[in-house]
Amino acid sequence: MTDSAGRRSIRRYNPDVKIPKEEMLTIIQEATRAPSAVNMQSWRFVVVESEEGKEQLTPFIRRNISQNESAAAMILVFGDLQCYEYGEEIYNQAVNEKKMTPETRDDQLGRIIPHYRNFSKEKMEKVVTIDAGLVAMQLMLVARNHHYDTCPITGFHSDGLAEAFGLDAERYYPVMVVSIGQAAETGFDTVRLDAEQITYFK
């Protein structure tokens, strides 16, 4: 495992280094071991790696042009506001793999699905934002284990992003963009407040 303390936000990458599709899928698969609310796995990914795709992304990413131009890929992380539609598939798989009883599946789905369906759009956006944040952090740590570096980007134009990449904007909520590739710089070493300063024991 790579030391997480060595992670840096990288803004310039070696443009000659590409990530094979199978390895990218492996990185994403490993990242999805992150927790999510009631295991609904609301995260969805668009891997922008072609020149055409990056050109399409350029108007949305503001000051992050260097990442877009040099990274092996820009991973768009969306939250699926209708993620509960996969609930039965997810829980059936858990039963098939003996990780859950059929009775537990039926009980949980019977409570979770109606609950999620009744959420307002704003509440679902909060749910998927937390899920996406968890998977994005996991993705960045997994990428280091595959000898790649990353940078999380939240300062982007979200309006029109889903449609630009063929997604339903009413369903897919843009949360983050993560650049990934081989670092061409060391990145800034930053400081953190001391744990004692920001932690309260009661």
N, C-alpha and C. Protein backbone atom coordinates (compact mmCIF):
# COMPACT_ATOMS: atom_id res chain seq x y z
N MET A 1 0.84 -1.20 0.00
CA MET A 1 0.00 0.00 0.00
C MET A 1 0.88 1.25 0.00
N THR A 2 0.47 2.26 -0.74
CA THR A 2 1.20 3.52 -0.81
C THR A 2 0.88 4.37 0.40
N ASP A 3 1.88 5.06 0.91
CA ASP A 3 1.69 5.96 2.04
C ASP A 3 0.79 7.11 1.63
N SER A 4 -0.36 7.24 2.28
CA SER A 4 -1.30 8.29 1.90
C SER A 4 -0.75 9.67 2.19
N ALA A 5 0.21 9.78 3.13
CA ALA A 5 0.79 11.08 3.44
C ALA A 5 1.61 11.63 2.27
N GLY A 6 1.97 10.76 1.32
CA GLY A 6 2.74 11.20 0.17
C GLY A 6 1.88 11.69 -0.98
N ARG A 7 0.57 11.65 -0.83
CA ARG A 7 -0.30 12.10 -1.92
C ARG A 7 -0.17 13.60 -2.11
N ARG A 8 -0.09 14.04 -3.35
CA ARG A 8 -0.05 15.46 -3.71
C ARG A 8 -1.06 15.71 -4.82
N SER A 9 -1.58 16.92 -4.87
CA SER A 9 -2.45 17.31 -5.98
C SER A 9 -1.57 17.75 -7.14
N ILE A 10 -1.61 17.00 -8.22
CA ILE A 10 -0.73 17.22 -9.36
C ILE A 10 -1.48 17.96 -10.46
N ARG A 11 -0.85 18.99 -10.98
CA ARG A 11 -1.49 19.81 -12.01
C ARG A 11 -0.83 19.70 -13.38
N ARG A 12 0.34 19.07 -13.43
CA ARG A 12 1.00 18.82 -14.72
C ARG A 12 1.45 17.37 -14.77
N TYR A 13 1.11 16.73 -15.89
CA TYR A 13 1.39 15.30 -16.05
C TYR A 13 2.24 15.07 -17.30
N ASN A 14 2.81 13.88 -17.39
CA ASN A 14 3.53 13.48 -18.60
C ASN A 14 2.48 13.15 -19.66
N PRO A 15 2.36 13.97 -20.70
CA PRO A 15 1.29 13.75 -21.68
C PRO A 15 1.48 12.50 -22.52
N ASP A 16 2.68 11.91 -22.48
CA ASP A 16 2.93 10.70 -23.27
C ASP A 16 2.46 9.43 -22.56
N VAL A 17 2.11 9.54 -21.30
CA VAL A 17 1.69 8.36 -20.53
C VAL A 17 0.17 8.22 -20.58
N LYS A 18 -0.28 7.09 -21.09
CA LYS A 18 -1.71 6.80 -21.14
C LYS A 18 -2.00 5.63 -20.20
N ILE A 19 -3.25 5.49 -19.82
CA ILE A 19 -3.65 4.40 -18.94
C ILE A 19 -4.54 3.46 -19.75
N PRO A 20 -4.12 2.19 -19.90
CA PRO A 20 -4.94 1.25 -20.67
C PRO A 20 -6.35 1.12 -20.08
N LYS A 21 -7.31 0.88 -20.94
CA LYS A 21 -8.71 0.80 -20.51
C LYS A 21 -8.90 -0.23 -19.40
N GLU A 22 -8.29 -1.39 -19.53
CA GLU A 22 -8.47 -2.44 -18.52
C GLU A 22 -7.91 -2.01 -17.17
N GLU A 23 -6.78 -1.30 -17.19
CA GLU A 23 -6.23 -0.84 -15.92
C GLU A 23 -7.10 0.26 -15.32
N MET A 24 -7.63 1.13 -16.16
CA MET A 24 -8.53 2.18 -15.66
C MET A 24 -9.76 1.55 -15.01
N LEU A 25 -10.31 0.53 -15.65
CA LEU A 25 -11.47 -0.16 -15.07
C LEU A 25 -11.11 -0.83 -13.75
N THR A 26 -9.89 -1.36 -13.65
CA THR A 26 -9.44 -1.98 -12.41
C THR A 26 -9.33 -0.93 -11.30
N ILE A 27 -8.78 0.23 -11.63
CA ILE A 27 -8.66 1.32 -10.65
C ILE A 27 -10.05 1.74 -10.15
N ILE A 28 -10.98 1.91 -11.08
CA ILE A 28 -12.33 2.32 -10.69
C ILE A 28 -13.00 1.22 -9.88
N GLN A 29 -12.82 -0.04 -10.30
CA GLN A 29 -13.42 -1.15 -9.55
C GLN A 29 -12.90 -1.18 -8.11
N GLU A 30 -11.60 -1.00 -7.95
CA GLU A 30 -11.02 -1.00 -6.60
C GLU A 30 -11.50 0.21 -5.80
N ALA A 31 -11.70 1.33 -6.48
CA ALA A 31 -12.17 2.53 -5.79
C ALA A 31 -13.59 2.34 -5.26
N THR A 32 -14.38 1.53 -5.95
CA THR A 32 -15.77 1.35 -5.54
C THR A 32 -15.92 0.44 -4.33
N ARG A 33 -14.82 0.08 -3.71
CA ARG A 33 -14.88 -0.56 -2.39
C ARG A 33 -15.18 0.48 -1.31
N ALA A 34 -15.20 1.74 -1.70
CA ALA A 34 -15.55 2.81 -0.76
C ALA A 34 -16.97 2.57 -0.24
N PRO A 35 -17.26 3.05 0.97
CA PRO A 35 -18.63 2.91 1.49
C PRO A 35 -19.58 3.87 0.80
N SER A 36 -20.85 3.51 0.81
CA SER A 36 -21.89 4.41 0.30
C SER A 36 -23.14 4.19 1.14
N ALA A 37 -24.01 5.17 1.15
CA ALA A 37 -25.23 5.08 1.95
C ALA A 37 -26.05 3.86 1.54
N VAL A 38 -26.37 3.02 2.50
CA VAL A 38 -27.11 1.76 2.32
C VAL A 38 -26.63 0.97 1.10
N ASN A 39 -25.37 1.11 0.79
CA ASN A 39 -24.72 0.39 -0.31
C ASN A 39 -25.40 0.61 -1.66
N MET A 40 -25.96 1.81 -1.88
CA MET A 40 -26.60 2.10 -3.16
C MET A 40 -25.60 2.47 -4.24
N GLN A 41 -24.33 2.72 -3.86
CA GLN A 41 -23.26 2.93 -4.85
C GLN A 41 -23.68 3.95 -5.90
N SER A 42 -24.02 5.13 -5.44
CA SER A 42 -24.64 6.13 -6.33
C SER A 42 -23.66 6.79 -7.29
N TRP A 43 -22.39 6.46 -7.21
CA TRP A 43 -21.39 7.08 -8.08
C TRP A 43 -21.46 6.55 -9.51
N ARG A 44 -21.19 7.44 -10.45
CA ARG A 44 -21.07 7.07 -11.87
C ARG A 44 -19.87 7.83 -12.44
N PHE A 45 -19.19 7.25 -13.41
CA PHE A 45 -17.94 7.81 -13.91
C PHE A 45 -17.97 7.99 -15.42
N VAL A 46 -17.39 9.09 -15.87
CA VAL A 46 -17.11 9.28 -17.29
C VAL A 46 -15.62 9.53 -17.41
N VAL A 47 -14.92 8.66 -18.14
CA VAL A 47 -13.47 8.80 -18.31
C VAL A 47 -13.22 9.54 -19.62
N VAL A 48 -12.74 10.77 -19.49
CA VAL A 48 -12.48 11.61 -20.67
C VAL A 48 -10.98 11.50 -20.98
N GLU A 49 -10.65 10.78 -22.05
CA GLU A 49 -9.25 10.53 -22.36
C GLU A 49 -8.87 10.90 -23.80
N SER A 50 -9.84 11.03 -24.68
CA SER A 50 -9.54 11.36 -26.07
C SER A 50 -9.33 12.87 -26.22
N GLU A 51 -8.66 13.24 -27.28
CA GLU A 51 -8.45 14.66 -27.55
C GLU A 51 -9.79 15.36 -27.76
N GLU A 52 -10.71 14.68 -28.45
CA GLU A 52 -12.02 15.26 -28.69
C GLU A 52 -12.78 15.48 -27.38
N GLY A 53 -12.69 14.47 -26.51
CA GLY A 53 -13.36 14.58 -25.22
C GLY A 53 -12.80 15.69 -24.37
N LYS A 54 -11.48 15.83 -24.39
CA LYS A 54 -10.84 16.89 -23.60
C LYS A 54 -11.20 18.28 -24.14
N GLU A 55 -11.28 18.39 -25.45
CA GLU A 55 -11.71 19.66 -26.03
C GLU A 55 -13.13 20.00 -25.60
N GLN A 56 -13.96 18.98 -25.55
CA GLN A 56 -15.35 19.18 -25.12
C GLN A 56 -15.41 19.59 -23.64
N LEU A 57 -14.48 19.09 -22.84
CA LEU A 57 -14.45 19.38 -21.41
C LEU A 57 -13.89 20.77 -21.10
N THR A 58 -13.04 21.28 -21.97
CA THR A 58 -12.31 22.53 -21.70
C THR A 58 -13.19 23.68 -21.20
N PRO A 59 -14.34 23.98 -21.81
CA PRO A 59 -15.13 25.12 -21.34
C PRO A 59 -15.67 24.97 -19.92
N PHE A 60 -15.66 23.76 -19.39
CA PHE A 60 -16.26 23.51 -18.09
C PHE A 60 -15.26 23.59 -16.93
N ILE A 61 -13.96 23.58 -17.23
CA ILE A 61 -13.01 23.36 -16.13
C ILE A 61 -12.23 24.59 -15.70
N ARG A 62 -12.61 25.76 -16.16
CA ARG A 62 -12.07 27.02 -15.66
C ARG A 62 -10.55 27.06 -15.72
N ARG A 63 -9.89 27.14 -14.55
CA ARG A 63 -8.43 27.35 -14.51
C ARG A 63 -7.63 26.05 -14.51
N ASN A 64 -8.28 24.95 -14.74
CA ASN A 64 -7.58 23.66 -14.65
C ASN A 64 -7.18 23.12 -16.02
N ILE A 65 -6.77 24.03 -16.89
CA ILE A 65 -6.43 23.67 -18.27
C ILE A 65 -5.22 22.74 -18.31
N SER A 66 -4.21 22.99 -17.46
CA SER A 66 -2.99 22.18 -17.52
C SER A 66 -3.28 20.71 -17.23
N GLN A 67 -4.17 20.44 -16.28
CA GLN A 67 -4.53 19.05 -16.00
C GLN A 67 -5.21 18.42 -17.22
N ASN A 68 -6.14 19.15 -17.79
CA ASN A 68 -6.90 18.61 -18.91
C ASN A 68 -6.00 18.34 -20.11
N GLU A 69 -5.04 19.19 -20.33
CA GLU A 69 -4.16 19.03 -21.50
C GLU A 69 -3.14 17.91 -21.32
N SER A 70 -2.66 17.69 -20.09
CA SER A 70 -1.55 16.76 -19.91
C SER A 70 -1.91 15.44 -19.25
N ALA A 71 -3.01 15.37 -18.51
CA ALA A 71 -3.36 14.15 -17.80
C ALA A 71 -3.70 13.02 -18.76
N ALA A 72 -3.50 11.79 -18.30
CA ALA A 72 -3.91 10.64 -19.11
C ALA A 72 -5.43 10.65 -19.29
N ALA A 73 -6.14 11.10 -18.26
CA ALA A 73 -7.61 11.18 -18.35
C ALA A 73 -8.13 12.13 -17.29
N MET A 74 -9.32 12.62 -17.55
CA MET A 74 -10.08 13.38 -16.57
C MET A 74 -11.30 12.53 -16.24
N ILE A 75 -11.43 12.16 -14.98
CA ILE A 75 -12.53 11.31 -14.58
C ILE A 75 -13.63 12.18 -13.99
N LEU A 76 -14.78 12.20 -14.65
CA LEU A 76 -15.92 12.97 -14.17
C LEU A 76 -16.72 12.07 -13.23
N VAL A 77 -16.93 12.54 -12.02
CA VAL A 77 -17.65 11.76 -11.02
C VAL A 77 -19.04 12.37 -10.85
N PHE A 78 -20.04 11.60 -11.19
CA PHE A 78 -21.43 12.03 -11.07
C PHE A 78 -22.12 11.23 -9.98
N GLY A 79 -23.16 11.82 -9.40
CA GLY A 79 -24.03 11.09 -8.51
C GLY A 79 -25.33 10.77 -9.23
N ASP A 80 -25.77 9.53 -9.14
CA ASP A 80 -27.00 9.09 -9.79
C ASP A 80 -28.16 9.32 -8.83
N LEU A 81 -29.00 10.28 -9.13
CA LEU A 81 -30.11 10.62 -8.25
C LEU A 81 -31.20 9.55 -8.24
N GLN A 82 -31.09 8.59 -9.14
CA GLN A 82 -32.01 7.45 -9.15
C GLN A 82 -31.26 6.14 -8.89
N CYS A 83 -30.23 6.23 -8.07
CA CYS A 83 -29.38 5.06 -7.79
C CYS A 83 -30.16 3.89 -7.22
N TYR A 84 -31.27 4.18 -6.55
CA TYR A 84 -32.08 3.12 -5.93
C TYR A 84 -32.64 2.14 -6.96
N GLU A 85 -32.63 2.52 -8.23
CA GLU A 85 -33.09 1.59 -9.26
C GLU A 85 -32.18 0.37 -9.38
N TYR A 86 -30.96 0.48 -8.87
CA TYR A 86 -30.03 -0.65 -8.85
C TYR A 86 -30.10 -1.42 -7.54
N GLY A 87 -30.95 -0.98 -6.62
CA GLY A 87 -31.00 -1.59 -5.30
C GLY A 87 -31.27 -3.09 -5.34
N GLU A 88 -32.26 -3.51 -6.12
CA GLU A 88 -32.59 -4.93 -6.17
C GLU A 88 -31.44 -5.75 -6.74
N GLU A 89 -30.78 -5.23 -7.78
CA GLU A 89 -29.64 -5.94 -8.37
C GLU A 89 -28.51 -6.08 -7.36
N ILE A 90 -28.22 -5.00 -6.64
CA ILE A 90 -27.13 -5.02 -5.66
C ILE A 90 -27.43 -6.01 -4.54
N TYR A 91 -28.64 -5.94 -4.01
CA TYR A 91 -28.99 -6.80 -2.88
C TYR A 91 -29.18 -8.26 -3.30
N ASN A 92 -29.64 -8.50 -4.52
CA ASN A 92 -29.71 -9.87 -5.02
C ASN A 92 -28.32 -10.48 -5.14
N GLN A 93 -27.38 -9.68 -5.60
CA GLN A 93 -26.00 -10.16 -5.70
C GLN A 93 -25.46 -10.51 -4.33
N ALA A 94 -25.79 -9.69 -3.33
CA ALA A 94 -25.35 -9.98 -1.96
C ALA A 94 -25.92 -11.30 -1.46
N VAL A 95 -27.18 -11.58 -1.81
CA VAL A 95 -27.79 -12.86 -1.44
C VAL A 95 -27.11 -14.01 -2.16
N ASN A 96 -26.86 -13.83 -3.45
CA ASN A 96 -26.21 -14.89 -4.25
C ASN A 96 -24.82 -15.22 -3.73
N GLU A 97 -24.14 -14.22 -3.20
CA GLU A 97 -22.78 -14.43 -2.67
C GLU A 97 -22.78 -14.76 -1.18
N LYS A 98 -23.97 -15.06 -0.65
CA LYS A 98 -24.12 -15.48 0.75
C LYS A 98 -23.67 -14.40 1.74
N LYS A 99 -23.78 -13.14 1.32
CA LYS A 99 -23.43 -12.03 2.20
C LYS A 99 -24.66 -11.42 2.88
N MET A 100 -25.82 -11.94 2.52
CA MET A 100 -27.07 -11.43 3.06
C MET A 100 -28.13 -12.51 2.87
N THR A 101 -29.04 -12.62 3.81
CA THR A 101 -30.14 -13.58 3.66
C THR A 101 -31.24 -12.96 2.81
N PRO A 102 -32.04 -13.79 2.15
CA PRO A 102 -33.18 -13.24 1.40
C PRO A 102 -34.12 -12.43 2.27
N GLU A 103 -34.28 -12.86 3.51
CA GLU A 103 -35.17 -12.13 4.42
C GLU A 103 -34.65 -10.74 4.72
N THR A 104 -33.35 -10.63 4.94
CA THR A 104 -32.74 -9.32 5.19
C THR A 104 -32.84 -8.44 3.96
N ARG A 105 -32.60 -9.02 2.79
CA ARG A 105 -32.74 -8.27 1.53
C ARG A 105 -34.15 -7.69 1.40
N ASP A 106 -35.15 -8.54 1.58
CA ASP A 106 -36.53 -8.09 1.40
C ASP A 106 -36.90 -7.02 2.41
N ASP A 107 -36.45 -7.19 3.64
CA ASP A 107 -36.75 -6.22 4.68
C ASP A 107 -36.11 -4.87 4.38
N GLN A 108 -34.82 -4.91 4.02
CA GLN A 108 -34.11 -3.65 3.79
C GLN A 108 -34.61 -2.94 2.53
N LEU A 109 -34.80 -3.69 1.46
CA LEU A 109 -35.30 -3.05 0.23
C LEU A 109 -36.71 -2.49 0.44
N GLY A 110 -37.49 -3.19 1.23
CA GLY A 110 -38.84 -2.72 1.48
C GLY A 110 -38.88 -1.41 2.23
N ARG A 111 -37.82 -1.12 2.97
CA ARG A 111 -37.75 0.15 3.69
C ARG A 111 -36.96 1.20 2.92
N ILE A 112 -35.86 0.79 2.31
CA ILE A 112 -34.93 1.75 1.68
C ILE A 112 -35.51 2.36 0.41
N ILE A 113 -36.02 1.53 -0.49
CA ILE A 113 -36.44 2.03 -1.80
C ILE A 113 -37.55 3.08 -1.67
N PRO A 114 -38.63 2.81 -0.93
CA PRO A 114 -39.66 3.86 -0.78
C PRO A 114 -39.10 5.13 -0.12
N HIS A 115 -38.19 4.94 0.84
CA HIS A 115 -37.58 6.08 1.53
C HIS A 115 -36.82 6.95 0.53
N TYR A 116 -36.00 6.33 -0.31
CA TYR A 116 -35.22 7.07 -1.30
C TYR A 116 -36.13 7.74 -2.34
N ARG A 117 -37.16 7.05 -2.75
CA ARG A 117 -38.07 7.61 -3.76
C ARG A 117 -38.76 8.87 -3.26
N ASN A 118 -38.91 8.98 -1.95
CA ASN A 118 -39.59 10.14 -1.37
C ASN A 118 -38.66 11.31 -1.07
N PHE A 119 -37.35 11.11 -1.26
CA PHE A 119 -36.41 12.21 -1.03
C PHE A 119 -36.65 13.33 -2.04
N SER A 120 -36.47 14.56 -1.60
CA SER A 120 -36.46 15.68 -2.53
C SER A 120 -35.18 15.62 -3.36
N LYS A 121 -35.17 16.34 -4.47
CA LYS A 121 -33.96 16.37 -5.30
C LYS A 121 -32.79 16.92 -4.52
N GLU A 122 -33.03 17.94 -3.70
CA GLU A 122 -31.95 18.55 -2.92
C GLU A 122 -31.37 17.55 -1.93
N LYS A 123 -32.24 16.74 -1.30
CA LYS A 123 -31.74 15.76 -0.33
C LYS A 123 -30.96 14.66 -1.03
N MET A 124 -31.43 14.23 -2.21
CA MET A 124 -30.69 13.21 -2.95
C MET A 124 -29.35 13.74 -3.40
N GLU A 125 -29.29 15.02 -3.77
CA GLU A 125 -28.01 15.62 -4.16
C GLU A 125 -27.02 15.56 -3.01
N LYS A 126 -27.49 15.77 -1.79
CA LYS A 126 -26.60 15.68 -0.63
C LYS A 126 -26.10 14.26 -0.43
N VAL A 127 -27.01 13.29 -0.59
CA VAL A 127 -26.64 11.89 -0.43
C VAL A 127 -25.56 11.49 -1.43
N VAL A 128 -25.80 11.80 -2.70
CA VAL A 128 -24.85 11.37 -3.73
C VAL A 128 -23.54 12.15 -3.67
N THR A 129 -23.58 13.38 -3.16
CA THR A 129 -22.35 14.15 -3.01
C THR A 129 -21.43 13.51 -1.99
N ILE A 130 -22.00 13.04 -0.89
CA ILE A 130 -21.18 12.35 0.12
C ILE A 130 -20.62 11.06 -0.45
N ASP A 131 -21.46 10.28 -1.12
CA ASP A 131 -20.99 9.03 -1.73
C ASP A 131 -19.86 9.30 -2.73
N ALA A 132 -20.05 10.31 -3.57
CA ALA A 132 -19.05 10.63 -4.59
C ALA A 132 -17.75 11.10 -3.98
N GLY A 133 -17.84 11.86 -2.88
CA GLY A 133 -16.63 12.30 -2.20
C GLY A 133 -15.83 11.13 -1.65
N LEU A 134 -16.55 10.15 -1.10
CA LEU A 134 -15.88 8.97 -0.55
C LEU A 134 -15.20 8.17 -1.66
N VAL A 135 -15.88 7.95 -2.76
CA VAL A 135 -15.29 7.15 -3.83
C VAL A 135 -14.16 7.90 -4.52
N ALA A 136 -14.26 9.23 -4.61
CA ALA A 136 -13.19 10.01 -5.24
C ALA A 136 -11.90 9.93 -4.43
N MET A 137 -12.02 10.02 -3.09
CA MET A 137 -10.83 9.91 -2.26
C MET A 137 -10.22 8.52 -2.37
N GLN A 138 -11.09 7.51 -2.37
CA GLN A 138 -10.61 6.13 -2.54
C GLN A 138 -9.91 5.98 -3.89
N LEU A 139 -10.48 6.57 -4.92
CA LEU A 139 -9.89 6.48 -6.26
C LEU A 139 -8.49 7.08 -6.28
N MET A 140 -8.32 8.22 -5.60
CA MET A 140 -7.01 8.87 -5.60
C MET A 140 -5.97 8.03 -4.88
N LEU A 141 -6.36 7.35 -3.81
CA LEU A 141 -5.42 6.48 -3.09
C LEU A 141 -5.13 5.21 -3.89
N VAL A 142 -6.15 4.65 -4.54
CA VAL A 142 -5.95 3.48 -5.39
C VAL A 142 -5.02 3.83 -6.55
N ALA A 143 -5.20 5.01 -7.13
CA ALA A 143 -4.34 5.43 -8.24
C ALA A 143 -2.88 5.43 -7.84
N ARG A 144 -2.59 5.87 -6.62
CA ARG A 144 -1.19 5.86 -6.14
C ARG A 144 -0.64 4.44 -6.06
N ASN A 145 -1.48 3.51 -5.68
CA ASN A 145 -1.04 2.11 -5.64
C ASN A 145 -0.76 1.56 -7.04
N HIS A 146 -1.35 2.20 -8.05
CA HIS A 146 -1.07 1.83 -9.45
C HIS A 146 0.01 2.74 -10.05
N HIS A 147 0.66 3.52 -9.20
CA HIS A 147 1.78 4.40 -9.61
C HIS A 147 1.33 5.56 -10.51
N TYR A 148 0.13 6.05 -10.25
CA TYR A 148 -0.35 7.26 -10.90
C TYR A 148 -0.65 8.32 -9.85
N ASP A 149 -0.75 9.56 -10.32
CA ASP A 149 -1.08 10.66 -9.42
C ASP A 149 -2.38 11.31 -9.89
N THR A 150 -2.93 12.14 -9.01
CA THR A 150 -4.26 12.69 -9.28
C THR A 150 -4.37 14.11 -8.74
N CYS A 151 -5.48 14.75 -9.08
CA CYS A 151 -5.85 16.04 -8.50
C CYS A 151 -7.37 16.15 -8.50
N PRO A 152 -7.97 16.38 -7.33
CA PRO A 152 -9.42 16.58 -7.29
C PRO A 152 -9.76 18.00 -7.72
N ILE A 153 -10.78 18.14 -8.53
CA ILE A 153 -11.20 19.45 -9.04
C ILE A 153 -12.69 19.63 -8.73
N THR A 154 -12.99 20.63 -7.92
CA THR A 154 -14.39 20.96 -7.64
C THR A 154 -14.78 22.31 -8.23
N GLY A 155 -13.80 23.07 -8.67
CA GLY A 155 -14.08 24.38 -9.27
C GLY A 155 -14.31 24.26 -10.76
N PHE A 156 -15.47 23.74 -11.13
CA PHE A 156 -15.79 23.59 -12.55
C PHE A 156 -17.23 24.04 -12.78
N HIS A 157 -17.55 24.32 -14.03
CA HIS A 157 -18.91 24.68 -14.39
C HIS A 157 -19.74 23.40 -14.48
N SER A 158 -20.74 23.27 -13.65
CA SER A 158 -21.54 22.05 -13.66
C SER A 158 -22.71 22.12 -14.64
N ASP A 159 -23.20 23.32 -14.91
CA ASP A 159 -24.34 23.45 -15.81
C ASP A 159 -23.98 22.98 -17.22
N GLY A 160 -24.71 22.01 -17.70
CA GLY A 160 -24.49 21.51 -19.05
C GLY A 160 -23.47 20.40 -19.16
N LEU A 161 -22.78 20.07 -18.05
CA LEU A 161 -21.72 19.06 -18.13
C LEU A 161 -22.28 17.68 -18.43
N ALA A 162 -23.34 17.30 -17.76
CA ALA A 162 -23.92 15.98 -18.00
C ALA A 162 -24.36 15.84 -19.46
N GLU A 163 -25.09 16.84 -19.96
CA GLU A 163 -25.56 16.78 -21.34
C GLU A 163 -24.41 16.72 -22.34
N ALA A 164 -23.32 17.44 -22.03
CA ALA A 164 -22.18 17.46 -22.95
C ALA A 164 -21.59 16.08 -23.17
N PHE A 165 -21.77 15.20 -22.16
CA PHE A 165 -21.22 13.85 -22.28
C PHE A 165 -22.31 12.78 -22.34
N GLY A 166 -23.48 13.21 -22.82
CA GLY A 166 -24.53 12.26 -23.14
C GLY A 166 -25.32 11.72 -21.97
N LEU A 167 -25.32 12.42 -20.84
CA LEU A 167 -26.06 11.97 -19.67
C LEU A 167 -27.29 12.83 -19.43
N ASP A 168 -28.26 12.26 -18.76
CA ASP A 168 -29.49 12.96 -18.42
C ASP A 168 -29.22 13.88 -17.23
N ALA A 169 -29.30 15.18 -17.44
CA ALA A 169 -28.98 16.14 -16.39
C ALA A 169 -29.95 16.09 -15.22
N GLU A 170 -31.15 15.60 -15.44
CA GLU A 170 -32.11 15.47 -14.35
C GLU A 170 -31.77 14.31 -13.43
N ARG A 171 -30.98 13.39 -13.92
CA ARG A 171 -30.64 12.20 -13.14
C ARG A 171 -29.21 12.23 -12.62
N TYR A 172 -28.28 12.71 -13.43
CA TYR A 172 -26.86 12.63 -13.07
C TYR A 172 -26.34 13.98 -12.62
N TYR A 173 -25.90 14.02 -11.36
CA TYR A 173 -25.50 15.25 -10.70
C TYR A 173 -23.97 15.33 -10.64
N PRO A 174 -23.35 16.32 -11.30
CA PRO A 174 -21.89 16.40 -11.32
C PRO A 174 -21.33 16.84 -9.96
N VAL A 175 -20.39 16.06 -9.43
CA VAL A 175 -19.85 16.33 -8.10
C VAL A 175 -18.38 16.73 -8.16
N MET A 176 -17.59 16.04 -8.98
CA MET A 176 -16.15 16.28 -8.96
C MET A 176 -15.53 15.83 -10.26
N VAL A 177 -14.37 16.41 -10.56
CA VAL A 177 -13.52 15.94 -11.66
C VAL A 177 -12.18 15.55 -11.04
N VAL A 178 -11.66 14.39 -11.42
CA VAL A 178 -10.36 13.95 -10.91
C VAL A 178 -9.43 13.73 -12.09
N SER A 179 -8.35 14.49 -12.14
CA SER A 179 -7.35 14.25 -13.17
C SER A 179 -6.45 13.11 -12.71
N ILE A 180 -5.95 12.31 -13.67
CA ILE A 180 -5.11 11.16 -13.33
C ILE A 180 -4.06 10.96 -14.41
N GLY A 181 -2.86 10.62 -13.99
CA GLY A 181 -1.77 10.37 -14.93
C GLY A 181 -0.46 10.23 -14.20
N GLN A 182 0.63 10.29 -14.95
CA GLN A 182 1.97 10.24 -14.36
C GLN A 182 2.46 11.66 -14.12
N ALA A 183 2.79 11.97 -12.88
CA ALA A 183 3.16 13.33 -12.51
C ALA A 183 4.39 13.81 -13.27
N ALA A 184 4.34 15.07 -13.72
CA ALA A 184 5.49 15.72 -14.33
C ALA A 184 6.05 16.79 -13.39
N GLU A 185 5.55 16.80 -12.15
CA GLU A 185 6.00 17.72 -11.12
C GLU A 185 5.79 17.04 -9.78
N THR A 186 6.41 17.59 -8.75
CA THR A 186 6.27 16.95 -7.44
C THR A 186 5.02 17.38 -6.71
N GLY A 187 4.44 18.49 -7.10
CA GLY A 187 3.27 18.99 -6.40
C GLY A 187 3.66 19.76 -5.15
N PHE A 188 2.78 20.61 -4.67
CA PHE A 188 3.07 21.43 -3.50
C PHE A 188 2.93 20.61 -2.23
N ASP A 189 3.90 20.79 -1.32
CA ASP A 189 3.79 20.20 0.00
C ASP A 189 3.02 21.18 0.87
N THR A 190 1.91 20.75 1.41
CA THR A 190 1.02 21.66 2.13
C THR A 190 1.06 21.38 3.64
N VAL A 191 0.45 22.26 4.40
CA VAL A 191 0.41 22.11 5.85
C VAL A 191 -0.99 21.73 6.28
N ARG A 192 -1.10 21.16 7.46
CA ARG A 192 -2.39 20.80 8.04
C ARG A 192 -2.44 21.29 9.49
N LEU A 193 -3.62 21.67 9.91
CA LEU A 193 -3.80 22.01 11.31
C LEU A 193 -3.55 20.77 12.16
N ASP A 194 -3.06 20.98 13.37
CA ASP A 194 -2.78 19.86 14.27
C ASP A 194 -4.08 19.21 14.72
N ALA A 195 -4.07 17.89 14.84
CA ALA A 195 -5.27 17.15 15.23
C ALA A 195 -5.84 17.65 16.56
N GLU A 196 -4.97 18.02 17.48
CA GLU A 196 -5.45 18.50 18.78
C GLU A 196 -6.23 19.80 18.66
N GLN A 197 -5.92 20.57 17.61
CA GLN A 197 -6.57 21.86 17.41
C GLN A 197 -7.98 21.72 16.84
N ILE A 198 -8.23 20.65 16.15
CA ILE A 198 -9.50 20.50 15.44
C ILE A 198 -10.36 19.34 15.95
N THR A 199 -9.93 18.72 17.05
CA THR A 199 -10.63 17.56 17.59
C THR A 199 -11.13 17.86 19.00
N TYR A 200 -12.35 17.45 19.26
CA TYR A 200 -12.96 17.65 20.57
C TYR A 200 -13.36 16.33 21.18
N PHE A 201 -12.90 16.06 22.38
CA PHE A 201 -13.26 14.85 23.09
C PHE A 201 -14.27 15.22 24.19
N LYS A 202 -15.37 14.53 24.24
CA LYS A 202 -16.41 14.83 25.23
C LYS A 202 -16.68 13.61 26.11
